[in-house]
Every structure is written in C-alpha cells, then in structure tokens.
Amino acid sequence: MDRLFPVFPSGWSGVGLFCLRVAVLVTLTSGVASTLPIRLALAGAGVLVLLGCLTPVICSIIAGTALATAGWSMVSASPLWFESLRVHGLVAAIATALVMLGPGAYSIDARLFGWRELRVPDS
C-alpha cells in the first residue's frame, strides 16, 4: 500500500476523499440490486470503502463489477438500461477516482500503511 500512495492527504483534500468514500457507500446502498445477498455484499463493500480499509482493492472490484453490470444491461436490452448505465457509470467513476487517488489520511489504510516516524534513542 505504501508504494501505491506516497502521501495520504489530510486537511481539505482528506475531507474530499472521505466525501468520495461516502458517495460510494450511498450509491451502492441506494437499491440498485434486486436480491438480499447482493445488497448485503454491496453494503459490506461500501462500509469497507467508507472506513478506508483496503480501498484500492475494494474499489477496483467495485468499478469492474459496476462496468460489467452496466454493459450487461445494455446488451440484454433491459427496459431500464439507461438508468442502469447512469447509476453504475457513476459508481465506476467514483471508485476509479478512489483507486487512483487513494483513501486519504482519514482512513484505516493511512493508519496501517502511512508514514511512520522512527525515533532513535540517544546512547
């Protein structure tokens, strides 16, 4: 993780990244899935992203799944294909942004993989 993101931004940048993580949670739990197990899996992934736990990995999976779902709705000629494309495209765009930018300073990833300060005692 520390090789992926040399800096975990704090301040307003960190707050902005937290808002993106909230947006992923809200869009994943907005009722885009039809069955309960899929809704629970999406909610679990959304909570992991909200907490900032393994954000690049989870967001990569979310973006790939959202793009595949949007593509499938277009190919299957679903009557709501445009709505599905809009919602899943939004989820994929936000998740991809988080993959590229990282979780920010206000996350579990920053606590686990962020910069450390080592102090060597005087002898």
C-alpha atoms as a PDB file:
ATOM      1  CA  MET A   1       0.000   0.000   0.000  1.00  0.00           C
ATOM      2  CA  ASP A   2       2.717   2.500   0.845  1.00  0.00           C
ATOM      3  CA  ARG A   3       4.177   2.007  -2.640  1.00  0.00           C
ATOM      4  CA  LEU A   4       0.830   2.879  -4.220  1.00  0.00           C
ATOM      5  CA  PHE A   5       0.337   6.121  -2.326  1.00  0.00           C
ATOM      6  CA  PRO A   6       3.412   8.032  -1.163  1.00  0.00           C
ATOM      7  CA  VAL A   7       1.204  10.547   0.668  1.00  0.00           C
ATOM      8  CA  PHE A   8      -2.129  10.216   2.435  1.00  0.00           C
ATOM      9  CA  PRO A   9      -3.565  13.748   2.054  1.00  0.00           C
ATOM     10  CA  SER A  10      -5.049  15.400   5.113  1.00  0.00           C
ATOM     11  CA  GLY A  11      -6.885  18.701   5.516  1.00  0.00           C
ATOM     12  CA  TRP A  12      -9.447  19.621   2.860  1.00  0.00           C
ATOM     13  CA  SER A  13      -8.044  17.039   0.435  1.00  0.00           C
ATOM     14  CA  GLY A  14      -8.547  14.301   3.001  1.00  0.00           C
ATOM     15  CA  VAL A  15     -12.082  15.508   3.691  1.00  0.00           C
ATOM     16  CA  GLY A  16     -12.785  15.477  -0.061  1.00  0.00           C
ATOM     17  CA  LEU A  17     -11.571  11.898  -0.341  1.00  0.00           C
ATOM     18  CA  PHE A  18     -13.741  10.963   2.640  1.00  0.00           C
ATOM     19  CA  CYS A  19     -16.727  12.537   0.827  1.00  0.00           C
ATOM     20  CA  LEU A  20     -15.948  10.373  -2.213  1.00  0.00           C
ATOM     21  CA  ARG A  21     -15.925   7.313   0.035  1.00  0.00           C
ATOM     22  CA  VAL A  22     -19.319   8.354   1.442  1.00  0.00           C
ATOM     23  CA  ALA A  23     -20.623   8.758  -2.132  1.00  0.00           C
ATOM     24  CA  VAL A  24     -19.579   5.177  -2.929  1.00  0.00           C
ATOM     25  CA  LEU A  25     -21.445   3.889   0.128  1.00  0.00           C
ATOM     26  CA  VAL A  26     -24.584   5.897  -0.699  1.00  0.00           C
ATOM     27  CA  THR A  27     -24.698   4.818  -4.333  1.00  0.00           C
ATOM     28  CA  LEU A  28     -24.024   1.169  -3.510  1.00  0.00           C
ATOM     29  CA  THR A  29     -26.829   1.058  -0.950  1.00  0.00           C
ATOM     30  CA  SER A  30     -29.341   3.066  -2.985  1.00  0.00           C
ATOM     31  CA  GLY A  31     -31.238  -0.018  -4.096  1.00  0.00           C
ATOM     32  CA  VAL A  32     -29.556  -0.863  -7.393  1.00  0.00           C
ATOM     33  CA  ALA A  33     -29.502  -4.583  -6.564  1.00  0.00           C
ATOM     34  CA  SER A  34     -32.523  -6.836  -6.574  1.00  0.00           C
ATOM     35  CA  THR A  35     -31.695  -9.670  -4.172  1.00  0.00           C
ATOM     36  CA  LEU A  36     -30.833  -9.523  -0.497  1.00  0.00           C
ATOM     37  CA  PRO A  37     -27.446 -11.318  -0.691  1.00  0.00           C
ATOM     38  CA  ILE A  38     -26.278  -8.910  -3.401  1.00  0.00           C
ATOM     39  CA  ARG A  39     -27.494  -5.928  -1.367  1.00  0.00           C
ATOM     40  CA  LEU A  40     -25.642  -7.204   1.700  1.00  0.00           C
ATOM     41  CA  ALA A  41     -22.440  -7.726  -0.324  1.00  0.00           C
ATOM     42  CA  LEU A  42     -22.705  -4.207  -1.765  1.00  0.00           C
ATOM     43  CA  ALA A  43     -23.364  -2.728   1.676  1.00  0.00           C
ATOM     44  CA  GLY A  44     -20.357  -4.606   3.086  1.00  0.00           C
ATOM     45  CA  ALA A  45     -18.118  -3.331   0.297  1.00  0.00           C
ATOM     46  CA  GLY A  46     -19.478   0.181   0.846  1.00  0.00           C
ATOM     47  CA  VAL A  47     -18.726   0.047   4.568  1.00  0.00           C
ATOM     48  CA  LEU A  48     -15.156  -1.139   3.876  1.00  0.00           C
ATOM     49  CA  VAL A  49     -14.674   1.762   1.469  1.00  0.00           C
ATOM     50  CA  LEU A  50     -16.201   4.210   3.961  1.00  0.00           C
ATOM     51  CA  LEU A  51     -13.771   3.065   6.638  1.00  0.00           C
ATOM     52  CA  GLY A  52     -10.915   3.205   4.140  1.00  0.00           C
ATOM     53  CA  CYS A  53      -9.936  -0.427   4.583  1.00  0.00           C
ATOM     54  CA  LEU A  54      -8.049  -1.840   1.554  1.00  0.00           C
ATOM     55  CA  THR A  55      -9.564   0.952  -0.525  1.00  0.00           C
ATOM     56  CA  PRO A  56      -7.695   0.357  -3.829  1.00  0.00           C
ATOM     57  CA  VAL A  57      -8.518  -3.352  -3.861  1.00  0.00           C
ATOM     58  CA  ILE A  58     -12.194  -2.975  -2.922  1.00  0.00           C
ATOM     59  CA  CYS A  59     -12.715  -0.013  -5.271  1.00  0.00           C
ATOM     60  CA  SER A  60     -11.121  -1.914  -8.164  1.00  0.00           C
ATOM     61  CA  ILE A  61     -13.579  -4.749  -7.610  1.00  0.00           C
ATOM     62  CA  ILE A  62     -16.488  -2.302  -7.318  1.00  0.00           C
ATOM     63  CA  ALA A  63     -15.509  -0.441 -10.509  1.00  0.00           C
ATOM     64  CA  GLY A  64     -15.086  -3.635 -12.503  1.00  0.00           C
ATOM     65  CA  THR A  65     -18.379  -5.045 -11.296  1.00  0.00           C
ATOM     66  CA  ALA A  66     -20.215  -1.791 -11.981  1.00  0.00           C
ATOM     67  CA  LEU A  67     -18.846  -1.588 -15.535  1.00  0.00           C
ATOM     68  CA  ALA A  68     -19.738  -5.221 -16.196  1.00  0.00           C
ATOM     69  CA  THR A  69     -23.259  -4.672 -14.867  1.00  0.00           C
ATOM     70  CA  ALA A  70     -23.728  -1.548 -16.978  1.00  0.00           C
ATOM     71  CA  GLY A  71     -22.502  -3.389 -20.060  1.00  0.00           C
ATOM     72  CA  TRP A  72     -24.767  -6.337 -19.370  1.00  0.00           C
ATOM     73  CA  SER A  73     -27.816  -4.093 -19.010  1.00  0.00           C
ATOM     74  CA  MET A  74     -27.062  -2.530 -22.411  1.00  0.00           C
ATOM     75  CA  VAL A  75     -26.543  -5.899 -24.137  1.00  0.00           C
ATOM     76  CA  SER A  76     -29.586  -7.550 -22.569  1.00  0.00           C
ATOM     77  CA  ALA A  77     -31.853  -4.722 -23.828  1.00  0.00           C
ATOM     78  CA  SER A  78     -33.293  -4.144 -20.384  1.00  0.00           C
ATOM     79  CA  PRO A  79     -36.076  -1.531 -20.380  1.00  0.00           C
ATOM     80  CA  LEU A  80     -34.148   0.446 -17.746  1.00  0.00           C
ATOM     81  CA  TRP A  81     -30.745   0.147 -19.428  1.00  0.00           C
ATOM     82  CA  PHE A  82     -30.151   3.896 -19.484  1.00  0.00           C
ATOM     83  CA  GLU A  83     -30.882   4.271 -15.760  1.00  0.00           C
ATOM     84  CA  SER A  84     -28.629   1.305 -15.007  1.00  0.00           C
ATOM     85  CA  LEU A  85     -25.873   2.780 -17.161  1.00  0.00           C
ATOM     86  CA  ARG A  86     -26.147   6.124 -15.352  1.00  0.00           C
ATOM     87  CA  VAL A  87     -26.039   4.656 -11.825  1.00  0.00           C
ATOM     88  CA  HIS A  88     -23.356   2.049 -12.493  1.00  0.00           C
ATOM     89  CA  GLY A  89     -21.291   4.504 -14.507  1.00  0.00           C
ATOM     90  CA  LEU A  90     -21.338   6.914 -11.558  1.00  0.00           C
ATOM     91  CA  VAL A  91     -20.267   4.179  -9.156  1.00  0.00           C
ATOM     92  CA  ALA A  92     -17.478   3.084 -11.510  1.00  0.00           C
ATOM     93  CA  ALA A  93     -16.224   6.666 -11.966  1.00  0.00           C
ATOM     94  CA  ILE A  94     -16.114   7.395  -8.224  1.00  0.00           C
ATOM     95  CA  ALA A  95     -14.498   4.037  -7.420  1.00  0.00           C
ATOM     96  CA  THR A  96     -11.884   4.551 -10.152  1.00  0.00           C
ATOM     97  CA  ALA A  97     -11.082   8.006  -8.763  1.00  0.00           C
ATOM     98  CA  LEU A  98     -10.529   6.461  -5.332  1.00  0.00           C
ATOM     99  CA  VAL A  99      -8.285   3.770  -6.820  1.00  0.00           C
ATOM    100  CA  MET A 100      -6.112   6.462  -8.397  1.00  0.00           C
ATOM    101  CA  LEU A 101      -6.115   8.985  -5.537  1.00  0.00           C
ATOM    102  CA  GLY A 102      -6.059   6.694  -2.523  1.00  0.00           C
ATOM    103  CA  PRO A 103      -8.147   6.760   0.625  1.00  0.00           C
ATOM    104  CA  GLY A 104      -6.756   9.897   2.278  1.00  0.00           C
ATOM    105  CA  ALA A 105      -5.474  10.497   5.793  1.00  0.00           C
ATOM    106  CA  TYR A 106      -8.778   9.773   7.495  1.00  0.00           C
ATOM    107  CA  SER A 107      -8.827   6.039   6.826  1.00  0.00           C
ATOM    108  CA  ILE A 108      -7.718   2.713   8.187  1.00  0.00           C
ATOM    109  CA  ASP A 109      -5.266   2.399   5.282  1.00  0.00           C
ATOM    110  CA  ALA A 110      -3.498   5.569   6.406  1.00  0.00           C
ATOM    111  CA  ARG A 111      -3.162   4.174   9.928  1.00  0.00           C
ATOM    112  CA  LEU A 112      -1.885   0.812   8.722  1.00  0.00           C
ATOM    113  CA  PHE A 113       0.293   1.852   5.788  1.00  0.00           C
ATOM    114  CA  GLY A 114       1.010   5.567   6.323  1.00  0.00           C
ATOM    115  CA  TRP A 115       4.324   7.187   7.055  1.00  0.00           C
ATOM    116  CA  ARG A 116       5.942   6.378  10.381  1.00  0.00           C
ATOM    117  CA  GLU A 117       8.320   8.450  12.432  1.00  0.00           C
ATOM    118  CA  LEU A 118      11.134   6.459  13.961  1.00  0.00           C
ATOM    119  CA  ARG A 119      12.984   7.888  16.910  1.00  0.00           C
ATOM    120  CA  VAL A 120      16.366   6.510  17.744  1.00  0.00           C
ATOM    121  CA  PRO A 121      17.209   6.984  21.401  1.00  0.00           C
ATOM    122  CA  ASP A 122      20.438   8.756  22.270  1.00  0.00           C
ATOM    123  CA  SER A 123      23.036   6.416  23.674  1.00  0.00           C
END
